[in-house]
Amino acid sequence: MSLISHHQDDQRFVIELANDDDALLEYRFIDATHIDFTRTFVPVSMRGKGIARALVNHGLDWAREQALHIHASCWYVKQVLSEEDSAED
């Protein structure tokens, strides 16, 4: 899998794929200490290969390193967070 790059000015994490397609995890800051992950996107031809999961894991790790409070508008990020909560129980 390609490297994940962080485009802070655009508030997104990106994996550049073949044919100039990108897979994305987008976010926004609610305030200085709260982040909202708003959207994941993986091109149809690349879905089911763990790309969205890699992006989300990377983004969540980064947010935790920054000591940010994490919110998720994106359904997929909510699912990953829910799975993490279940694993901790």
Protein backbone atom coordinates (compact mmCIF):
# COMPACT_ATOMS: atom_id res chain seq x y z
CA MET A 1 0.00 0.00 0.00
CA SER A 2 1.19 3.51 -0.73
CA LEU A 3 2.32 5.86 1.96
CA ILE A 4 -0.24 7.98 3.74
CA SER A 5 0.45 11.68 3.49
CA HIS A 6 -1.04 14.35 5.72
CA HIS A 7 -2.21 17.48 3.91
CA GLN A 8 -2.75 19.70 6.92
CA ASP A 9 -3.73 22.77 4.90
CA ASP A 10 -6.53 20.74 3.29
CA GLN A 11 -7.35 18.90 6.53
CA ARG A 12 -7.05 15.44 5.03
CA PHE A 13 -4.98 12.28 4.94
CA VAL A 14 -4.34 10.92 1.44
CA ILE A 15 -3.17 7.72 -0.20
CA GLU A 16 -2.30 8.28 -3.85
CA LEU A 17 -3.51 5.34 -5.93
CA ALA A 18 -3.02 4.31 -9.54
CA ASN A 19 -4.62 6.39 -12.32
CA ASP A 20 -4.27 9.59 -10.28
CA ASP A 21 -7.05 8.50 -7.93
CA ASP A 22 -6.76 9.32 -4.25
CA ALA A 23 -8.22 7.70 -1.18
CA LEU A 24 -9.07 10.26 1.50
CA LEU A 25 -9.83 10.76 5.16
CA GLU A 26 -11.08 14.30 5.72
CA TYR A 27 -11.44 16.14 9.00
CA ARG A 28 -12.21 19.53 10.49
CA PHE A 29 -11.31 21.16 13.75
CA ILE A 30 -14.29 21.96 15.93
CA ASP A 31 -12.01 24.04 18.13
CA ALA A 32 -8.39 23.89 19.26
CA THR A 33 -8.83 20.61 21.14
CA HIS A 34 -11.61 18.79 19.22
CA ILE A 35 -11.40 17.15 15.80
CA ASP A 36 -14.24 15.78 13.70
CA PHE A 37 -13.48 13.13 11.08
CA THR A 38 -16.03 13.97 8.41
CA ARG A 39 -15.49 11.70 5.40
CA THR A 40 -13.64 8.75 3.98
CA PHE A 41 -13.45 8.05 0.27
CA VAL A 42 -11.91 5.14 -1.62
CA PRO A 43 -12.48 4.72 -5.38
CA VAL A 44 -14.88 1.87 -6.17
CA SER A 45 -12.20 -0.19 -7.89
CA MET A 46 -10.03 -0.14 -4.74
CA ARG A 47 -12.67 -0.83 -2.08
CA GLY A 48 -12.45 -3.89 0.14
CA LYS A 49 -8.64 -3.80 0.30
CA GLY A 50 -8.23 -2.20 3.74
CA ILE A 51 -7.41 1.26 2.40
CA ALA A 52 -10.10 3.13 4.34
CA ARG A 53 -9.13 1.26 7.51
CA ALA A 54 -5.48 2.23 7.05
CA LEU A 55 -6.42 5.88 6.60
CA VAL A 56 -8.70 5.89 9.63
CA ASN A 57 -6.17 4.13 11.85
CA HIS A 58 -3.50 6.60 10.77
CA GLY A 59 -5.76 9.61 11.34
CA LEU A 60 -6.90 8.39 14.75
CA ASP A 61 -3.30 7.71 15.81
CA TRP A 62 -2.31 11.21 14.74
CA ALA A 63 -5.25 12.81 16.58
CA ARG A 64 -4.40 10.89 19.75
CA GLU A 65 -0.74 11.94 19.50
CA GLN A 66 -2.00 15.54 19.35
CA ALA A 67 -4.17 14.89 22.45
CA LEU A 68 -7.30 15.87 20.51
CA HIS A 69 -10.81 14.87 21.52
CA ILE A 70 -12.14 12.77 18.65
CA HIS A 71 -15.58 13.09 17.07
CA ALA A 72 -16.82 11.26 13.98
CA SER A 73 -19.43 12.53 11.54
CA CYS A 74 -18.26 9.86 9.09
CA TRP A 75 -20.10 6.56 9.52
CA TYR A 76 -16.99 4.52 8.83
CA VAL A 77 -14.89 6.31 11.44
CA LYS A 78 -17.75 5.80 13.92
CA GLN A 79 -17.68 2.08 13.11
CA VAL A 80 -13.92 1.83 13.71
CA LEU A 81 -14.23 3.70 17.02
CA SER A 82 -17.09 1.42 18.06
CA GLU A 83 -15.00 -1.66 17.24
CA GLU A 84 -12.13 -0.26 19.33
CA ASP A 85 -14.51 0.34 22.26
CA SER A 86 -15.83 -3.23 21.98
CA ALA A 87 -12.32 -4.65 21.94
CA GLU A 88 -11.47 -2.81 25.17
CA ASP A 89 -14.46 -4.29 27.05
